[in-house]
Amino acid sequence: MSTTTEGSNVSTKNLDLLSIEEILCIMNEEDTRIPVVIKARIPEIAEAIKIIIKQLELGGRIIYVGAGTSGRIANLDAIECPATFNTPPEMIQAIVAGKERALHQTVYGAEDDLQQGELDLLKLNPDEKDVVVGIAASGKTPYVIGALRAGKQVGASIIAISSNDPAPILDLADVGIPIVVGPEVITGSTRLKAGTAQKIVLNMLSTVAMVKLGKVYGNLMVDLRIVNHKLEQRAIDIIVPITGLTRDESKDLLSRCNGEVKCAIIVGILGIEVNDAKNLLLQNQGNLRSIIG
């Protein structure tokens, strides 16, 4: 079966004969197709997010599965969530064909191992509370198919993102998200448009889920984890406008709350003790909006 991602782009037939500026203009023009295609798939993306929110509220996890570029992009989204949203590392994680080595170099043949995809997923002991998200530009990567089948067998929710439609991984999914951005500037090089589209969709899945789970207040990352000076300053920048406190007062309050931004905001607005603020957060499932409006 021929696939769109392996098709030849008529705009780049003579790519090597073009000037640098001409190549850049073509690449830029091709990339403008991505948001248009994604916009048409917002209903499916929204449906996937609703499933993710429901399962995370039940104590489930998001488990991304990919190979090559798709796997590395999935891993990037997973590892950025703890610092941004203060999620435990196991809540959003990725398994990649070829394991850790594949994050730094190509592991040839790893994507073709269907059984290893199944085994790698089962090592995480998935169950019906989890969401397994398969990402494959081709839509038919054996490693991803193996993992999705294993997830389906244990009752996990299945989401699939493919740059081709129809595609086997879409057939396995509870929610399939085909993002068909067309042939690449270099034939078959799916690290280009397909990879960019995958990153955008994963941004949407994790970000919107975290917003709706109370990890964001307005557009502020009130659940950030302070792991460096930059994030400490960002935390203070969040506390100051919400509470009306000075930067020095906000920094002192943040210290009293052991770096927990939500706690500091509650204490600053309601004037209560730190332990009482933490109890309020527990009673309201960490949702700051429910406490301070």
C-alpha atoms as a PDB file:
ATOM      1  CA  MET A   1       0.000   0.000   0.000  1.00  0.00           C
ATOM      2  CA  SER A   2       1.492   3.357  -1.057  1.00  0.00           C
ATOM      3  CA  THR A   3       1.508   6.079   1.583  1.00  0.00           C
ATOM      4  CA  THR A   4       1.351   9.854   1.452  1.00  0.00           C
ATOM      5  CA  THR A   5       4.500  10.192   3.549  1.00  0.00           C
ATOM      6  CA  GLU A   6       6.485   8.232   0.940  1.00  0.00           C
ATOM      7  CA  GLY A   7       5.065  10.209  -1.968  1.00  0.00           C
ATOM      8  CA  SER A   8       7.091  12.642  -4.055  1.00  0.00           C
ATOM      9  CA  ASN A   9       6.478  16.353  -3.568  1.00  0.00           C
ATOM     10  CA  VAL A  10       6.010  17.990  -6.969  1.00  0.00           C
ATOM     11  CA  SER A  11       7.241  21.322  -5.574  1.00  0.00           C
ATOM     12  CA  THR A  12      10.676  19.918  -4.790  1.00  0.00           C
ATOM     13  CA  LYS A  13      11.469  17.784  -7.838  1.00  0.00           C
ATOM     14  CA  ASN A  14      14.573  19.890  -8.535  1.00  0.00           C
ATOM     15  CA  LEU A  15      15.365  20.773  -4.927  1.00  0.00           C
ATOM     16  CA  ASP A  16      19.130  20.432  -5.293  1.00  0.00           C
ATOM     17  CA  LEU A  17      19.166  22.939  -8.172  1.00  0.00           C
ATOM     18  CA  LEU A  18      17.465  25.691  -6.185  1.00  0.00           C
ATOM     19  CA  SER A  19      19.128  28.489  -4.239  1.00  0.00           C
ATOM     20  CA  ILE A  20      19.225  28.414  -0.448  1.00  0.00           C
ATOM     21  CA  GLU A  21      16.584  31.146  -0.317  1.00  0.00           C
ATOM     22  CA  GLU A  22      14.308  29.271  -2.723  1.00  0.00           C
ATOM     23  CA  ILE A  23      14.553  26.068  -0.666  1.00  0.00           C
ATOM     24  CA  LEU A  24      13.747  27.978   2.511  1.00  0.00           C
ATOM     25  CA  CYS A  25      10.688  29.570   0.902  1.00  0.00           C
ATOM     26  CA  ILE A  26       9.419  26.155  -0.194  1.00  0.00           C
ATOM     27  CA  MET A  27       9.979  24.654   3.257  1.00  0.00           C
ATOM     28  CA  ASN A  28       8.194  27.575   4.867  1.00  0.00           C
ATOM     29  CA  GLU A  29       5.277  27.261   2.458  1.00  0.00           C
ATOM     30  CA  GLU A  30       4.990  23.522   3.077  1.00  0.00           C
ATOM     31  CA  ASP A  31       4.931  24.109   6.846  1.00  0.00           C
ATOM     32  CA  THR A  32       1.948  26.463   6.494  1.00  0.00           C
ATOM     33  CA  ARG A  33      -0.152  23.413   5.583  1.00  0.00           C
ATOM     34  CA  ILE A  34       0.304  21.900   9.048  1.00  0.00           C
ATOM     35  CA  PRO A  35      -2.010  24.126  11.155  1.00  0.00           C
ATOM     36  CA  VAL A  36      -4.743  23.905   8.509  1.00  0.00           C
ATOM     37  CA  VAL A  37      -4.678  20.103   8.635  1.00  0.00           C
ATOM     38  CA  ILE A  38      -4.606  20.064  12.438  1.00  0.00           C
ATOM     39  CA  LYS A  39      -7.507  22.512  12.683  1.00  0.00           C
ATOM     40  CA  ALA A  40      -9.669  20.088  10.687  1.00  0.00           C
ATOM     41  CA  ARG A  41      -8.890  17.388  13.292  1.00  0.00           C
ATOM     42  CA  ILE A  42      -9.745  19.403  16.412  1.00  0.00           C
ATOM     43  CA  PRO A  43     -12.920  17.313  17.031  1.00  0.00           C
ATOM     44  CA  GLU A  44     -10.856  14.116  17.233  1.00  0.00           C
ATOM     45  CA  ILE A  45      -8.139  15.798  19.309  1.00  0.00           C
ATOM     46  CA  ALA A  46     -10.778  17.129  21.731  1.00  0.00           C
ATOM     47  CA  GLU A  47     -12.308  13.659  22.054  1.00  0.00           C
ATOM     48  CA  ALA A  48      -8.871  12.229  22.849  1.00  0.00           C
ATOM     49  CA  ILE A  49      -8.263  14.885  25.504  1.00  0.00           C
ATOM     50  CA  LYS A  50     -11.580  14.133  27.199  1.00  0.00           C
ATOM     51  CA  ILE A  51     -10.553  10.487  27.480  1.00  0.00           C
ATOM     52  CA  ILE A  52      -7.134  11.461  28.847  1.00  0.00           C
ATOM     53  CA  ILE A  53      -8.652  13.734  31.508  1.00  0.00           C
ATOM     54  CA  LYS A  54     -11.131  11.080  32.590  1.00  0.00           C
ATOM     55  CA  GLN A  55      -8.464   8.395  32.885  1.00  0.00           C
ATOM     56  CA  LEU A  56      -5.955  10.614  34.688  1.00  0.00           C
ATOM     57  CA  GLU A  57      -8.643  11.523  37.218  1.00  0.00           C
ATOM     58  CA  LEU A  58      -9.047   7.794  37.847  1.00  0.00           C
ATOM     59  CA  GLY A  59      -5.330   7.523  38.584  1.00  0.00           C
ATOM     60  CA  GLY A  60      -4.297   6.367  35.131  1.00  0.00           C
ATOM     61  CA  ARG A  61      -1.317   7.356  33.006  1.00  0.00           C
ATOM     62  CA  ILE A  62      -0.540   8.589  29.525  1.00  0.00           C
ATOM     63  CA  ILE A  63       1.874   6.180  27.863  1.00  0.00           C
ATOM     64  CA  TYR A  64       3.259   7.415  24.552  1.00  0.00           C
ATOM     65  CA  VAL A  65       4.671   4.842  22.121  1.00  0.00           C
ATOM     66  CA  GLY A  66       6.805   5.648  19.107  1.00  0.00           C
ATOM     67  CA  ALA A  67       9.879   4.801  17.073  1.00  0.00           C
ATOM     68  CA  GLY A  68      12.540   7.049  15.573  1.00  0.00           C
ATOM     69  CA  THR A  69      11.506  10.687  15.275  1.00  0.00           C
ATOM     70  CA  SER A  70       8.011   9.913  16.584  1.00  0.00           C
ATOM     71  CA  GLY A  71       9.410   8.269  19.694  1.00  0.00           C
ATOM     72  CA  ARG A  72      11.865  11.072  20.406  1.00  0.00           C
ATOM     73  CA  ILE A  73       9.130  13.698  20.020  1.00  0.00           C
ATOM     74  CA  ALA A  74       6.881  11.710  22.363  1.00  0.00           C
ATOM     75  CA  ASN A  75       9.668  11.410  24.910  1.00  0.00           C
ATOM     76  CA  LEU A  76      10.263  15.164  24.734  1.00  0.00           C
ATOM     77  CA  ASP A  77       6.637  15.903  25.577  1.00  0.00           C
ATOM     78  CA  ALA A  78       6.656  13.414  28.446  1.00  0.00           C
ATOM     79  CA  ILE A  79       9.830  14.642  30.124  1.00  0.00           C
ATOM     80  CA  GLU A  80       8.803  18.308  29.993  1.00  0.00           C
ATOM     81  CA  CYS A  81       5.567  17.813  31.939  1.00  0.00           C
ATOM     82  CA  PRO A  82       7.006  17.315  35.459  1.00  0.00           C
ATOM     83  CA  ALA A  83       8.782  20.694  35.501  1.00  0.00           C
ATOM     84  CA  THR A  84       5.900  22.522  33.822  1.00  0.00           C
ATOM     85  CA  PHE A  85       2.971  20.954  35.663  1.00  0.00           C
ATOM     86  CA  ASN A  86       4.616  19.258  38.671  1.00  0.00           C
ATOM     87  CA  THR A  87       3.324  15.877  37.542  1.00  0.00           C
ATOM     88  CA  PRO A  88       4.952  12.697  38.845  1.00  0.00           C
ATOM     89  CA  PRO A  89       7.266  11.236  36.171  1.00  0.00           C
ATOM     90  CA  GLU A  90       5.123   8.130  35.829  1.00  0.00           C
ATOM     91  CA  MET A  91       1.946  10.063  34.970  1.00  0.00           C
ATOM     92  CA  ILE A  92       3.111  10.895  31.442  1.00  0.00           C
ATOM     93  CA  GLN A  93       5.817   8.669  30.044  1.00  0.00           C
ATOM     94  CA  ALA A  94       7.105   7.360  26.740  1.00  0.00           C
ATOM     95  CA  ILE A  95       8.416   4.063  25.483  1.00  0.00           C
ATOM     96  CA  VAL A  96      10.620   4.262  22.414  1.00  0.00           C
ATOM     97  CA  ALA A  97      11.723   1.492  20.077  1.00  0.00           C
ATOM     98  CA  GLY A  98      15.379   0.845  20.845  1.00  0.00           C
ATOM     99  CA  LYS A  99      14.971   2.143  24.408  1.00  0.00           C
ATOM    100  CA  GLU A 100      17.335   4.765  25.882  1.00  0.00           C
ATOM    101  CA  ARG A 101      19.920   4.418  23.106  1.00  0.00           C
ATOM    102  CA  ALA A 102      17.323   5.405  20.518  1.00  0.00           C
ATOM    103  CA  LEU A 103      16.974   8.836  22.139  1.00  0.00           C
ATOM    104  CA  HIS A 104      20.529   9.674  21.077  1.00  0.00           C
ATOM    105  CA  GLN A 105      21.074   7.695  17.888  1.00  0.00           C
ATOM    106  CA  THR A 106      19.232   5.588  15.365  1.00  0.00           C
ATOM    107  CA  VAL A 107      18.739   1.981  16.443  1.00  0.00           C
ATOM    108  CA  TYR A 108      18.302   0.185  13.158  1.00  0.00           C
ATOM    109  CA  GLY A 109      15.526  -2.381  12.972  1.00  0.00           C
ATOM    110  CA  ALA A 110      14.019  -1.558  16.372  1.00  0.00           C
ATOM    111  CA  GLU A 111      10.844  -0.147  14.854  1.00  0.00           C
ATOM    112  CA  ASP A 112      10.176  -3.422  13.012  1.00  0.00           C
ATOM    113  CA  ASP A 113       9.955  -5.516  16.196  1.00  0.00           C
ATOM    114  CA  LEU A 114       6.241  -5.937  16.890  1.00  0.00           C
ATOM    115  CA  GLN A 115       6.784  -8.319  19.811  1.00  0.00           C
ATOM    116  CA  GLN A 116       9.214  -5.935  21.525  1.00  0.00           C
ATOM    117  CA  GLY A 117       6.591  -3.174  21.375  1.00  0.00           C
ATOM    118  CA  GLU A 118       4.190  -5.485  23.172  1.00  0.00           C
ATOM    119  CA  LEU A 119       6.795  -6.508  25.756  1.00  0.00           C
ATOM    120  CA  ASP A 120       7.947  -2.954  26.440  1.00  0.00           C
ATOM    121  CA  LEU A 121       4.390  -1.813  27.119  1.00  0.00           C
ATOM    122  CA  LEU A 122       3.562  -4.791  29.330  1.00  0.00           C
ATOM    123  CA  LYS A 123       6.634  -4.045  31.474  1.00  0.00           C
ATOM    124  CA  LEU A 124       4.746  -0.957  32.639  1.00  0.00           C
ATOM    125  CA  ASN A 125       1.822  -3.113  33.831  1.00  0.00           C
ATOM    126  CA  PRO A 126      -0.858  -1.139  31.970  1.00  0.00           C
ATOM    127  CA  ASP A 127      -4.514  -1.511  32.901  1.00  0.00           C
ATOM    128  CA  GLU A 128      -7.936  -0.093  32.070  1.00  0.00           C
ATOM    129  CA  LYS A 129      -7.149   3.259  33.711  1.00  0.00           C
ATOM    130  CA  ASP A 130      -4.266   4.021  31.331  1.00  0.00           C
ATOM    131  CA  VAL A 131      -4.224   5.739  27.941  1.00  0.00           C
ATOM    132  CA  VAL A 132      -1.777   4.402  25.362  1.00  0.00           C
ATOM    133  CA  VAL A 133      -0.990   6.909  22.610  1.00  0.00           C
ATOM    134  CA  GLY A 134       0.648   5.458  19.516  1.00  0.00           C
ATOM    135  CA  ILE A 135       2.502   7.860  17.230  1.00  0.00           C
ATOM    136  CA  ALA A 136       3.740   6.790  13.810  1.00  0.00           C
ATOM    137  CA  ALA A 137       4.116   8.887  10.677  1.00  0.00           C
ATOM    138  CA  SER A 138       3.632   5.816   8.483  1.00  0.00           C
ATOM    139  CA  GLY A 139       0.723   4.634  10.596  1.00  0.00           C
ATOM    140  CA  LYS A 140       1.978   1.072  10.357  1.00  0.00           C
ATOM    141  CA  THR A 141       5.143   0.833  12.489  1.00  0.00           C
ATOM    142  CA  PRO A 142       5.215  -2.752  13.875  1.00  0.00           C
ATOM    143  CA  TYR A 143       6.658  -1.714  17.266  1.00  0.00           C
ATOM    144  CA  VAL A 144       3.800   0.739  17.796  1.00  0.00           C
ATOM    145  CA  ILE A 145       1.207  -1.747  16.583  1.00  0.00           C
ATOM    146  CA  GLY A 146       2.503  -4.343  19.066  1.00  0.00           C
ATOM    147  CA  ALA A 147       2.214  -1.899  21.951  1.00  0.00           C
ATOM    148  CA  LEU A 148      -1.268  -0.736  20.965  1.00  0.00           C
ATOM    149  CA  ARG A 149      -2.509  -4.314  20.663  1.00  0.00           C
ATOM    150  CA  ALA A 150      -1.109  -5.111  24.099  1.00  0.00           C
ATOM    151  CA  GLY A 151      -2.751  -2.029  25.561  1.00  0.00           C
ATOM    152  CA  LYS A 152      -6.063  -2.891  23.983  1.00  0.00           C
ATOM    153  CA  GLN A 153      -5.942  -6.410  25.393  1.00  0.00           C
ATOM    154  CA  VAL A 154      -5.661  -5.123  28.972  1.00  0.00           C
ATOM    155  CA  GLY A 155      -8.473  -2.611  28.495  1.00  0.00           C
ATOM    156  CA  ALA A 156      -6.426   0.587  28.195  1.00  0.00           C
ATOM    157  CA  SER A 157      -7.824   3.435  26.102  1.00  0.00           C
ATOM    158  CA  ILE A 158      -6.073   3.698  22.740  1.00  0.00           C
ATOM    159  CA  ILE A 159      -5.289   6.895  20.840  1.00  0.00           C
ATOM    160  CA  ALA A 160      -3.365   6.873  17.568  1.00  0.00           C
ATOM    161  CA  ILE A 161      -1.704   9.676  15.597  1.00  0.00           C
ATOM    162  CA  SER A 162      -0.764   8.947  11.982  1.00  0.00           C
ATOM    163  CA  SER A 163       0.412  10.980   9.004  1.00  0.00           C
ATOM    164  CA  ASN A 164      -1.337   8.549   6.676  1.00  0.00           C
ATOM    165  CA  ASP A 165      -5.013   7.655   6.395  1.00  0.00           C
ATOM    166  CA  PRO A 166      -6.063   4.870   6.252  1.00  0.00           C
ATOM    167  CA  ALA A 167      -3.510   3.313   8.589  1.00  0.00           C
ATOM    168  CA  PRO A 168      -3.354   0.186  10.792  1.00  0.00           C
ATOM    169  CA  ILE A 169      -2.778   2.133  14.028  1.00  0.00           C
ATOM    170  CA  LEU A 170      -5.912   4.193  13.368  1.00  0.00           C
ATOM    171  CA  ASP A 171      -7.885   0.957  13.070  1.00  0.00           C
ATOM    172  CA  LEU A 172      -6.711  -0.105  16.529  1.00  0.00           C
ATOM    173  CA  ALA A 173      -7.648   3.165  18.217  1.00  0.00           C
ATOM    174  CA  ASP A 174     -10.621   4.295  20.261  1.00  0.00           C
ATOM    175  CA  VAL A 175      -9.773   7.712  18.840  1.00  0.00           C
ATOM    176  CA  GLY A 176      -7.728   7.991  15.666  1.00  0.00           C
ATOM    177  CA  ILE A 177      -6.117  11.308  14.755  1.00  0.00           C
ATOM    178  CA  PRO A 178      -4.960  11.324  11.127  1.00  0.00           C
ATOM    179  CA  ILE A 179      -2.780  14.368  10.450  1.00  0.00           C
ATOM    180  CA  VAL A 180      -2.050  14.031   6.729  1.00  0.00           C
ATOM    181  CA  VAL A 181       0.274  16.896   5.851  1.00  0.00           C
ATOM    182  CA  GLY A 182       1.279  15.553   2.445  1.00  0.00           C
ATOM    183  CA  PRO A 183       4.597  14.496   0.889  1.00  0.00           C
ATOM    184  CA  GLU A 184       7.725  15.875   2.510  1.00  0.00           C
ATOM    185  CA  VAL A 185      10.179  18.358   0.996  1.00  0.00           C
ATOM    186  CA  ILE A 186      12.654  15.470   0.927  1.00  0.00           C
ATOM    187  CA  THR A 187      10.764  12.314   0.023  1.00  0.00           C
ATOM    188  CA  GLY A 188      10.105  10.160   3.059  1.00  0.00           C
ATOM    189  CA  SER A 189      11.857  12.481   5.554  1.00  0.00           C
ATOM    190  CA  THR A 190       9.069  12.517   8.115  1.00  0.00           C
ATOM    191  CA  ARG A 191      11.171  14.410  10.656  1.00  0.00           C
ATOM    192  CA  LEU A 192       9.976  17.459   8.703  1.00  0.00           C
ATOM    193  CA  LYS A 193       6.231  18.224   8.345  1.00  0.00           C
ATOM    194  CA  ALA A 194       5.019  14.988   9.899  1.00  0.00           C
ATOM    195  CA  GLY A 195       7.292  15.423  12.919  1.00  0.00           C
ATOM    196  CA  THR A 196       6.281  19.054  13.380  1.00  0.00           C
ATOM    197  CA  ALA A 197       2.603  18.086  13.236  1.00  0.00           C
ATOM    198  CA  GLN A 198       3.109  15.323  15.799  1.00  0.00           C
ATOM    199  CA  LYS A 199       4.760  17.752  18.232  1.00  0.00           C
ATOM    200  CA  ILE A 200       1.872  20.199  17.882  1.00  0.00           C
ATOM    201  CA  VAL A 201      -0.742  17.518  18.529  1.00  0.00           C
ATOM    202  CA  LEU A 202       1.128  16.144  21.558  1.00  0.00           C
ATOM    203  CA  ASN A 203       1.423  19.710  22.873  1.00  0.00           C
ATOM    204  CA  MET A 204      -2.355  19.940  22.611  1.00  0.00           C
ATOM    205  CA  LEU A 205      -3.038  16.608  24.307  1.00  0.00           C
ATOM    206  CA  SER A 206      -0.822  17.163  27.342  1.00  0.00           C
ATOM    207  CA  THR A 207      -1.316  20.921  27.731  1.00  0.00           C
ATOM    208  CA  VAL A 208      -5.105  21.015  27.517  1.00  0.00           C
ATOM    209  CA  ALA A 209      -5.413  17.979  29.789  1.00  0.00           C
ATOM    210  CA  MET A 210      -3.234  19.675  32.395  1.00  0.00           C
ATOM    211  CA  VAL A 211      -5.196  22.934  32.119  1.00  0.00           C
ATOM    212  CA  LYS A 212      -8.467  21.112  32.742  1.00  0.00           C
ATOM    213  CA  LEU A 213      -6.956  19.187  35.642  1.00  0.00           C
ATOM    214  CA  GLY A 214      -6.268  22.460  37.455  1.00  0.00           C
ATOM    215  CA  LYS A 215      -2.558  22.719  36.740  1.00  0.00           C
ATOM    216  CA  VAL A 216      -3.029  26.200  35.269  1.00  0.00           C
ATOM    217  CA  TYR A 217      -4.757  29.289  36.693  1.00  0.00           C
ATOM    218  CA  GLY A 218      -5.709  31.723  33.931  1.00  0.00           C
ATOM    219  CA  ASN A 219      -2.691  31.208  31.712  1.00  0.00           C
ATOM    220  CA  LEU A 220      -0.215  30.812  34.583  1.00  0.00           C
ATOM    221  CA  MET A 221       1.591  27.551  35.386  1.00  0.00           C
ATOM    222  CA  VAL A 222       0.720  27.576  39.072  1.00  0.00           C
ATOM    223  CA  ASP A 223       1.863  23.979  39.551  1.00  0.00           C
ATOM    224  CA  LEU A 224       5.364  24.479  38.195  1.00  0.00           C
ATOM    225  CA  ARG A 225       8.229  22.717  39.942  1.00  0.00           C
ATOM    226  CA  ILE A 226      10.981  25.090  41.048  1.00  0.00           C
ATOM    227  CA  VAL A 227      14.174  23.396  39.938  1.00  0.00           C
ATOM    228  CA  ASN A 228      16.308  26.421  39.043  1.00  0.00           C
ATOM    229  CA  HIS A 229      16.648  30.188  39.491  1.00  0.00           C
ATOM    230  CA  LYS A 230      14.634  30.974  36.359  1.00  0.00           C
ATOM    231  CA  LEU A 231      11.644  29.003  37.596  1.00  0.00           C
ATOM    232  CA  GLU A 232      11.913  30.552  41.050  1.00  0.00           C
ATOM    233  CA  GLN A 233      11.642  33.986  39.442  1.00  0.00           C
ATOM    234  CA  ARG A 234       8.716  32.797  37.317  1.00  0.00           C
ATOM    235  CA  ALA A 235       6.966  31.530  40.441  1.00  0.00           C
ATOM    236  CA  ILE A 236       7.363  34.925  42.085  1.00  0.00           C
ATOM    237  CA  ASP A 237       6.110  36.596  38.888  1.00  0.00           C
ATOM    238  CA  ILE A 238       2.973  34.427  39.178  1.00  0.00           C
ATOM    239  CA  ILE A 239       2.336  35.119  42.866  1.00  0.00           C
ATOM    240  CA  VAL A 240       2.773  38.922  42.733  1.00  0.00           C
ATOM    241  CA  PRO A 241      -0.131  39.865  40.397  1.00  0.00           C
ATOM    242  CA  ILE A 242      -2.566  37.354  41.877  1.00  0.00           C
ATOM    243  CA  THR A 243      -1.965  38.249  45.523  1.00  0.00           C
ATOM    244  CA  GLY A 244      -0.909  41.888  45.240  1.00  0.00           C
ATOM    245  CA  LEU A 245       2.138  41.189  47.409  1.00  0.00           C
ATOM    246  CA  THR A 246       5.594  42.612  46.726  1.00  0.00           C
ATOM    247  CA  ARG A 247       8.308  40.424  45.209  1.00  0.00           C
ATOM    248  CA  ASP A 248      10.091  40.142  48.557  1.00  0.00           C
ATOM    249  CA  GLU A 249       6.861  39.177  50.325  1.00  0.00           C
ATOM    250  CA  SER A 250       6.069  36.658  47.590  1.00  0.00           C
ATOM    251  CA  LYS A 251       9.538  35.125  47.809  1.00  0.00           C
ATOM    252  CA  ASP A 252       9.239  34.778  51.592  1.00  0.00           C
ATOM    253  CA  LEU A 253       5.782  33.241  51.270  1.00  0.00           C
ATOM    254  CA  LEU A 254       7.013  30.818  48.619  1.00  0.00           C
ATOM    255  CA  SER A 255       9.766  29.714  50.988  1.00  0.00           C
ATOM    256  CA  ARG A 256       7.283  29.150  53.818  1.00  0.00           C
ATOM    257  CA  CYS A 257       5.206  26.998  51.457  1.00  0.00           C
ATOM    258  CA  ASN A 258       8.235  24.876  50.442  1.00  0.00           C
ATOM    259  CA  GLY A 259       8.147  26.197  46.890  1.00  0.00           C
ATOM    260  CA  GLU A 260       4.489  25.344  46.280  1.00  0.00           C
ATOM    261  CA  VAL A 261       3.034  28.203  44.251  1.00  0.00           C
ATOM    262  CA  LYS A 262      -0.628  27.332  44.788  1.00  0.00           C
ATOM    263  CA  CYS A 263      -0.138  27.168  48.535  1.00  0.00           C
ATOM    264  CA  ALA A 264       1.613  30.539  48.542  1.00  0.00           C
ATOM    265  CA  ILE A 265      -1.232  32.129  46.565  1.00  0.00           C
ATOM    266  CA  ILE A 266      -3.890  30.779  48.924  1.00  0.00           C
ATOM    267  CA  VAL A 267      -2.017  31.935  52.027  1.00  0.00           C
ATOM    268  CA  GLY A 268      -1.422  35.329  50.431  1.00  0.00           C
ATOM    269  CA  ILE A 269      -5.062  35.873  49.486  1.00  0.00           C
ATOM    270  CA  LEU A 270      -6.929  34.200  52.351  1.00  0.00           C
ATOM    271  CA  GLY A 271      -4.435  34.974  55.104  1.00  0.00           C
ATOM    272  CA  ILE A 272      -4.546  31.444  56.490  1.00  0.00           C
ATOM    273  CA  GLU A 273      -1.837  29.129  57.776  1.00  0.00           C
ATOM    274  CA  VAL A 274       0.286  27.068  55.389  1.00  0.00           C
ATOM    275  CA  ASN A 275      -1.114  23.731  56.606  1.00  0.00           C
ATOM    276  CA  ASP A 276      -4.675  25.017  56.217  1.00  0.00           C
ATOM    277  CA  ALA A 277      -3.889  26.076  52.649  1.00  0.00           C
ATOM    278  CA  LYS A 278      -2.501  22.631  51.877  1.00  0.00           C
ATOM    279  CA  ASN A 279      -5.597  21.005  53.330  1.00  0.00           C
ATOM    280  CA  LEU A 280      -7.806  23.197  51.153  1.00  0.00           C
ATOM    281  CA  LEU A 281      -5.872  22.065  48.100  1.00  0.00           C
ATOM    282  CA  LEU A 282      -6.355  18.423  49.076  1.00  0.00           C
ATOM    283  CA  GLN A 283     -10.085  18.951  49.605  1.00  0.00           C
ATOM    284  CA  ASN A 284     -10.377  20.593  46.167  1.00  0.00           C
ATOM    285  CA  GLN A 285      -8.199  18.151  44.213  1.00  0.00           C
ATOM    286  CA  GLY A 286      -5.540  20.816  43.784  1.00  0.00           C
ATOM    287  CA  ASN A 287      -7.852  23.164  41.900  1.00  0.00           C
ATOM    288  CA  LEU A 288      -6.896  26.723  42.765  1.00  0.00           C
ATOM    289  CA  ARG A 289      -9.883  28.205  40.921  1.00  0.00           C
ATOM    290  CA  SER A 290     -12.261  26.329  43.220  1.00  0.00           C
ATOM    291  CA  ILE A 291     -10.631  27.936  46.256  1.00  0.00           C
ATOM    292  CA  ILE A 292      -9.985  31.565  45.315  1.00  0.00           C
ATOM    293  CA  GLY A 293     -12.342  31.972  42.348  1.00  0.00           C
END
